[in-house]
Structures are given as structure tokens and as C-alpha cells.
Amino acid sequence: MAVKKYKPTTPGRRKASVEDFSDITKKRPDKSLVAPIKKKAGRNNMGKITVRHRGGGVKRLYRKIDFKRNIFDIPAIVESIEYDPNRGARIALIKYENGNKSYILAAEGMKVGNKVISSEKKIEAELGVRMPLKHIPVGMFVYNVELNPGNGGQIVRGAGNGAQLQVVEGKYAQLKLPSGEVRLISKECMATVGKVSNPDHKLVRLGKAGRKRKLGWRPTVKGKNMNPVDHPHGGGEGHSPIGLRGGPKTKWGKKALGVKSRNKKKWSNKFILSPRKKKRKK
């Protein structure tokens, strides 16, 4: 897949780009595998805003993705590659030999007619095959990886992502995640061979605010443009600097820069062998 650019006929079109949907083979989703999405606009059950900057957007249907793929040792054929408005990756409609249908995350390079299978035994590691990490050859890329056996894929699901299996020792497999983090995961956890489809998704530039609104995002306003009652950075004449001695703060008065966001006591820290890449200061 590629990214398309148009002639700059308007200011919004000048720097915008769109996805090339040439890999899509079917426009309408399978009716038995979709569900309605109720819009909440960032409100909780009391009607209060708990997530800011959400609202509006184009109406969507949720595609029921099978992240577990626990129908074992029954081959399935890819019937179509489809667009999913709820994620950057493409999804594939597969049909098993017993007649069951389901949506799965499509792998990069997956095409209509490909055979996929899920198994708890050791089988040939082909594109789209799902099996425990202990049976996957070292050095291969995997995606839709479980964190606990039987829970279904929870990590490495974003468009273009893939985790590299580095070594399998004892109870654990060592995975290098897309962030650069090296992590131990139980070798009994299931993973799919390959990388997630649509790697060019990250190259798309929206170009104008209107496209962001259609995705369900409302405008974000800087704290320094607010009043003192609304934000610690608010107030002052004109476009004033932040001016706080303790440094920038969030809307709720907590420090915003230089503070580690990860909880030091989090139980999963012991499985991290090497932390994720850090951005170098210029």
C-alpha cells in the first residue's frame, strides 16, 4: 500500500495525504460480524467529561475481531481484505473448513486465497499462522501477541508493527517489541507469524482540522490561552509564557515535564529486560 498526494488546489489539500486503498477487496463488512458503537463523547455514566477533546465524528460499526483464534487445527481461507475504521491495520475475513467465519488482523503481504491455521502444536511457520511462541523459529517477526495464555492477543496490534522473537529459554520467550523494549513473555502464549498490515498508515497527514473532527476529535486549547480559573498556565496579558517556578503543570496542577509516567511498583516491570528507546535530547 502507498500514500497518495493530490495537487494543492486548496490550503487544506496542500499538505494532506490519503491512504491508497488498492489493497481493499471488499467494501461492505459481513453483517454477522459487526455491532453498533454507541457514541459517548468522552462522558461517563454520570454524563461528566472524563476524556477531553472527544465528540462528533463519522458514525461507525464495530468489526468483531477474533484476537484469540482458538479454533485449532482447522484450516481457513482468506476471503477478503477489508478496511476497518476503528484501527489503522487492515482486517481479513477468513472462512474455516467447517463453515465458520471471523475477522482477523491481516498480516503484511496477506492476500485473498491464502491459507491460515491456528494450532497448539508445532507446524510450519508461514504468514498468518498462529501458534505458541515456543514453536516459532527464533528471529521471526510476530504480532497479536498474548500476555497471558488464553487471553487473546493484547500487544503488537498497530498498523505495521512486529515484534522479533529473540530467544526461548526456560518458561519464557524473549521478544523485542516495536518500541525497542525487550520483554519476557510466557512461551505458552500464542502469537501470529508476520507483521501487521498497512505499514504506511503512519505517513498519512490529515492536512486540516476538518479531517480530525471526522475522526471524533475536538480541538485542543493550550493552557496559556486559558483564564487562571481554568488552568495553572492561564492569565496574563496577550500570549504570555508559562512563568511557573516549578515548571509546566497539567490542568490539575501536577508536573507535566520530566516526570516518569510509569508506575515503579507495576507488577510487569520484572519482565522487562531492557527498557524502550529514549529520545535523545538535541
Protein backbone atom coordinates (compact mmCIF):
# COMPACT_ATOMS: atom_id res chain seq x y z
CA MET A 1 0.00 0.00 0.00
CA ALA A 2 1.11 3.56 -0.68
CA VAL A 3 0.13 7.08 0.32
CA LYS A 4 -1.47 9.36 -2.29
CA LYS A 5 -0.90 13.10 -2.64
CA TYR A 6 -3.11 15.48 -4.59
CA LYS A 7 -2.45 18.77 -6.33
CA PRO A 8 -2.57 21.67 -3.82
CA THR A 9 -5.92 23.02 -5.01
CA THR A 10 -6.77 24.39 -1.52
CA PRO A 11 -4.70 25.26 1.61
CA GLY A 12 -6.07 22.16 3.36
CA ARG A 13 -5.20 19.90 0.44
CA ARG A 14 -1.67 21.27 0.05
CA LYS A 15 -0.01 19.24 2.83
CA ALA A 16 -2.60 16.49 3.12
CA SER A 17 -2.20 12.87 2.02
CA VAL A 18 -4.59 9.94 1.95
CA GLU A 19 -4.27 6.17 2.01
CA ASP A 20 -4.24 4.25 -1.24
CA PHE A 21 -6.99 1.66 -0.78
CA SER A 22 -5.82 -0.55 -3.65
CA ASP A 23 -5.34 -3.48 -1.24
CA ILE A 24 -9.04 -3.46 -0.22
CA THR A 25 -11.03 -6.21 -1.95
CA LYS A 26 -14.48 -5.73 -0.36
CA LYS A 27 -16.30 -2.55 0.63
CA ARG A 28 -19.15 -3.71 2.88
CA PRO A 29 -18.47 -5.68 6.10
CA ASP A 30 -20.05 -9.06 6.86
CA LYS A 31 -23.34 -8.29 8.67
CA SER A 32 -22.97 -11.18 11.12
CA LEU A 33 -19.61 -9.84 12.35
CA VAL A 34 -20.46 -6.21 13.12
CA ALA A 35 -22.03 -4.44 16.10
CA PRO A 36 -23.20 -0.84 16.69
CA ILE A 37 -20.99 1.61 18.57
CA LYS A 38 -22.76 3.95 20.98
CA LYS A 39 -21.11 7.36 20.98
CA LYS A 40 -20.21 8.72 24.41
CA ALA A 41 -18.17 11.83 23.52
CA GLY A 42 -15.81 11.26 26.44
CA ARG A 43 -18.62 11.16 29.05
CA ASN A 44 -19.05 8.61 31.84
CA ASN A 45 -22.33 7.14 33.17
CA MET A 46 -22.97 10.41 35.05
CA GLY A 47 -22.64 12.49 31.90
CA LYS A 48 -19.42 14.13 33.08
CA ILE A 49 -16.45 14.59 30.74
CA THR A 50 -13.75 12.12 31.78
CA VAL A 51 -11.82 12.18 28.48
CA ARG A 52 -11.37 15.63 26.96
CA HIS A 53 -11.37 16.58 23.29
CA ARG A 54 -13.71 13.82 22.11
CA GLY A 55 -17.03 14.16 20.28
CA GLY A 56 -18.68 14.20 16.87
CA GLY A 57 -17.12 12.07 14.18
CA VAL A 58 -18.49 9.85 11.45
CA LYS A 59 -20.79 7.02 12.51
CA ARG A 60 -19.04 3.62 12.62
CA LEU A 61 -19.81 -0.06 13.01
CA TYR A 62 -17.55 -2.18 15.19
CA ARG A 63 -15.97 -5.17 13.46
CA LYS A 64 -15.73 -8.16 15.83
CA ILE A 65 -12.07 -9.15 15.57
CA ASP A 66 -11.03 -12.63 16.71
CA PHE A 67 -7.86 -11.89 18.69
CA LYS A 68 -7.80 -15.39 20.22
CA ARG A 69 -8.17 -17.56 17.10
CA ASN A 70 -8.86 -20.60 19.29
CA ILE A 71 -10.34 -22.80 16.55
CA PHE A 72 -7.34 -25.13 16.37
CA ASP A 73 -6.09 -27.34 13.53
CA ILE A 74 -8.87 -26.35 11.11
CA PRO A 75 -7.54 -24.54 8.01
CA ALA A 76 -9.19 -21.32 6.89
CA ILE A 77 -9.05 -19.39 3.61
CA VAL A 78 -8.79 -15.59 3.37
CA GLU A 79 -11.93 -14.44 1.56
CA SER A 80 -11.33 -10.69 1.56
CA ILE A 81 -9.08 -7.89 2.84
CA GLU A 82 -11.20 -5.09 4.30
CA TYR A 83 -10.93 -1.58 5.75
CA ASP A 84 -11.64 -1.14 9.46
CA PRO A 85 -12.47 2.42 10.61
CA ASN A 86 -11.61 1.51 14.21
CA ARG A 87 -7.91 0.74 13.60
CA GLY A 88 -5.04 1.57 11.25
CA ALA A 89 -4.44 -2.04 10.17
CA ARG A 90 -6.43 -3.94 7.57
CA ILE A 91 -8.61 -6.86 8.61
CA ALA A 92 -9.09 -10.16 6.80
CA LEU A 93 -12.33 -12.12 6.56
CA ILE A 94 -11.49 -15.81 6.87
CA LYS A 95 -13.72 -18.85 6.38
CA TYR A 96 -12.92 -22.15 8.09
CA GLU A 97 -13.50 -25.56 6.51
CA ASN A 98 -16.35 -26.13 8.99
CA GLY A 99 -18.15 -23.02 7.64
CA ASN A 100 -17.39 -20.57 10.47
CA LYS A 101 -16.36 -17.04 9.54
CA SER A 102 -14.35 -14.49 11.52
CA TYR A 103 -12.33 -11.31 11.17
CA ILE A 104 -8.62 -11.37 12.00
CA LEU A 105 -5.86 -8.76 11.83
CA ALA A 106 -4.39 -9.03 8.33
CA ALA A 107 -0.66 -9.60 8.04
CA GLU A 108 1.50 -7.56 5.69
CA GLY A 109 1.53 -9.40 2.37
CA MET A 110 -1.63 -11.42 3.09
CA LYS A 111 -3.84 -11.87 0.01
CA VAL A 112 -7.20 -13.37 -0.90
CA GLY A 113 -6.91 -17.14 -1.23
CA ASN A 114 -4.12 -17.53 1.34
CA LYS A 115 -4.50 -20.39 3.82
CA VAL A 116 -4.14 -19.70 7.55
CA ILE A 117 -4.32 -22.01 10.52
CA SER A 118 -4.12 -21.82 14.30
CA SER A 119 -2.58 -24.69 16.25
CA GLU A 120 -1.19 -25.55 19.69
CA LYS A 121 1.22 -27.99 18.02
CA LYS A 122 4.39 -27.24 16.08
CA ILE A 123 3.57 -26.59 12.41
CA GLU A 124 5.27 -24.76 9.57
CA ALA A 125 5.68 -21.05 10.42
CA GLU A 126 4.01 -19.45 7.41
CA LEU A 127 2.47 -15.99 7.10
CA GLY A 128 -0.68 -15.67 9.25
CA VAL A 129 -0.13 -18.96 11.11
CA ARG A 130 -0.86 -18.72 14.86
CA MET A 131 0.83 -20.94 17.46
CA PRO A 132 2.66 -20.76 20.83
CA LEU A 133 5.90 -18.79 20.96
CA LYS A 134 7.86 -21.93 21.89
CA HIS A 135 7.13 -23.41 18.43
CA ILE A 136 8.02 -20.28 16.38
CA PRO A 137 11.58 -20.18 14.95
CA VAL A 138 13.90 -17.68 16.64
CA GLY A 139 14.42 -14.46 14.67
CA MET A 140 10.95 -14.37 13.11
CA PHE A 141 8.58 -11.41 13.48
CA VAL A 142 5.24 -11.95 15.21
CA TYR A 143 2.20 -9.83 16.03
CA ASN A 144 -1.07 -10.00 18.04
CA VAL A 145 0.86 -11.48 20.98
CA GLU A 146 -0.78 -12.71 24.19
CA LEU A 147 0.46 -11.52 27.60
CA ASN A 148 -1.23 -14.39 29.43
CA PRO A 149 -2.03 -17.77 27.81
CA GLY A 150 -5.65 -17.94 26.63
CA ASN A 151 -6.39 -14.21 26.99
CA GLY A 152 -6.07 -13.40 23.28
CA GLY A 153 -3.64 -11.00 21.61
CA GLN A 154 -3.11 -7.78 23.56
CA ILE A 155 0.13 -6.27 22.25
CA VAL A 156 1.75 -5.61 18.84
CA ARG A 157 -1.56 -4.94 17.06
CA GLY A 158 -0.93 -1.50 15.49
CA ALA A 159 -0.53 -0.97 11.74
CA GLY A 160 2.93 -2.03 10.50
CA ASN A 161 4.09 -3.35 13.89
CA GLY A 162 6.01 -6.55 14.50
CA ALA A 163 7.92 -7.99 17.47
CA GLN A 164 11.06 -10.07 16.90
CA LEU A 165 11.44 -13.36 18.76
CA GLN A 166 15.00 -13.33 20.09
CA VAL A 167 15.36 -16.43 22.26
CA VAL A 168 13.30 -19.06 24.11
CA GLU A 169 14.72 -20.12 27.50
CA GLY A 170 13.06 -21.96 30.37
CA LYS A 171 9.49 -20.78 30.86
CA TYR A 172 9.84 -17.58 28.85
CA ALA A 173 10.39 -16.26 25.35
CA GLN A 174 12.31 -13.03 24.82
CA LEU A 175 10.63 -10.53 22.48
CA LYS A 176 11.94 -7.26 21.12
CA LEU A 177 8.86 -5.02 20.86
CA PRO A 178 8.34 -2.23 18.29
CA SER A 179 9.20 0.37 20.97
CA GLY A 180 12.65 -1.19 21.42
CA GLU A 181 11.72 -2.73 24.77
CA VAL A 182 12.96 -6.28 25.31
CA ARG A 183 10.44 -8.25 27.34
CA LEU A 184 9.92 -11.75 28.72
CA ILE A 185 6.61 -13.42 27.82
CA SER A 186 5.49 -16.93 28.67
CA LYS A 187 6.46 -19.32 25.88
CA GLU A 188 2.93 -20.80 26.07
CA CYS A 189 1.44 -17.51 24.83
CA MET A 190 0.10 -17.52 21.27
CA ALA A 191 1.35 -15.20 18.53
CA THR A 192 0.78 -14.80 14.78
CA VAL A 193 3.67 -15.06 12.34
CA GLY A 194 4.37 -11.91 10.31
CA LYS A 195 3.89 -8.15 10.72
CA VAL A 196 0.66 -6.18 10.92
CA SER A 197 -0.64 -4.89 7.58
CA ASN A 198 -0.74 -1.29 6.32
CA PRO A 199 2.72 -0.04 7.44
CA ASP A 200 2.25 3.27 5.56
CA HIS A 201 -0.59 4.31 7.87
CA LYS A 202 1.84 6.43 9.93
CA LEU A 203 2.74 8.51 6.83
CA VAL A 204 -0.76 9.90 6.32
CA ARG A 205 -1.07 13.65 7.03
CA LEU A 206 -4.56 14.94 7.73
CA GLY A 207 -3.80 18.43 6.45
CA LYS A 208 -6.75 20.24 8.03
CA ALA A 209 -8.83 20.33 11.21
CA GLY A 210 -11.96 19.05 9.45
CA ARG A 211 -10.49 15.59 8.90
CA LYS A 212 -9.58 15.39 12.59
CA ARG A 213 -13.18 16.27 13.52
CA LYS A 214 -14.49 13.44 11.33
CA LEU A 215 -12.30 11.04 13.33
CA GLY A 216 -14.10 12.11 16.51
CA TRP A 217 -11.54 14.58 17.91
CA ARG A 218 -12.46 18.06 19.10
CA PRO A 219 -9.98 21.00 19.33
CA THR A 220 -7.26 21.16 21.97
CA VAL A 221 -6.52 24.56 23.53
CA LYS A 222 -3.19 25.47 25.17
CA GLY A 223 -3.29 26.16 28.91
CA LYS A 224 -1.52 29.52 28.40
CA ASN A 225 -4.51 30.65 26.30
CA MET A 226 -6.97 29.94 29.13
CA ASN A 227 -8.01 32.01 32.15
CA PRO A 228 -6.39 31.47 35.57
CA VAL A 229 -9.52 29.71 36.80
CA ASP A 230 -9.24 27.11 34.04
CA HIS A 231 -5.53 26.23 34.06
CA PRO A 232 -2.32 26.90 36.07
CA HIS A 233 -0.79 28.41 32.90
CA GLY A 234 -3.74 30.75 32.34
CA GLY A 235 -3.95 34.51 32.63
CA GLY A 236 -1.57 37.32 31.76
CA GLU A 237 -1.63 39.90 29.01
CA GLY A 238 -1.51 38.57 25.44
CA HIS A 239 0.42 35.41 24.63
CA SER A 240 2.21 35.16 27.98
CA PRO A 241 4.82 32.49 28.86
CA ILE A 242 4.04 29.85 31.46
CA GLY A 243 6.14 31.56 34.13
CA LEU A 244 5.80 28.92 36.87
CA ARG A 245 8.83 28.40 39.10
CA GLY A 246 8.18 24.66 39.49
CA GLY A 247 7.87 24.15 35.75
CA PRO A 248 4.90 23.36 33.49
CA LYS A 249 1.86 21.75 35.07
CA THR A 250 -1.22 19.89 33.91
CA LYS A 251 -4.69 21.32 34.19
CA TRP A 252 -4.96 19.64 37.60
CA GLY A 253 -1.70 21.07 38.97
CA LYS A 254 0.61 18.06 38.54
CA LYS A 255 4.04 18.44 36.95
CA ALA A 256 3.88 17.93 33.20
CA LEU A 257 7.53 17.59 32.10
CA GLY A 258 10.36 15.41 33.37
CA VAL A 259 8.07 13.12 35.35
CA LYS A 260 8.09 9.39 34.66
CA SER A 261 4.58 8.24 33.82
CA ARG A 262 5.16 4.54 34.52
CA ASN A 263 4.38 3.23 37.99
CA LYS A 264 7.59 1.90 39.61
CA LYS A 265 5.65 -0.77 41.53
CA LYS A 266 3.87 -2.15 38.48
CA TRP A 267 3.95 -5.96 38.55
CA SER A 268 5.00 -6.31 34.91
CA ASN A 269 8.27 -4.39 35.40
CA LYS A 270 10.10 -7.57 36.38
CA PHE A 271 9.54 -8.98 32.88
CA ILE A 272 11.29 -6.04 31.17
CA LEU A 273 14.92 -6.88 30.36
CA SER A 274 15.69 -3.66 28.50
CA PRO A 275 13.54 -0.51 28.58
CA ARG A 276 12.11 1.13 25.47
CA LYS A 277 14.15 3.57 23.40
CA LYS A 278 14.51 7.05 24.81
CA LYS A 279 14.51 10.15 22.64
CA ARG A 280 17.86 11.87 22.53
CA LYS A 281 17.95 15.49 23.66
CA LYS A 282 19.15 17.85 20.96
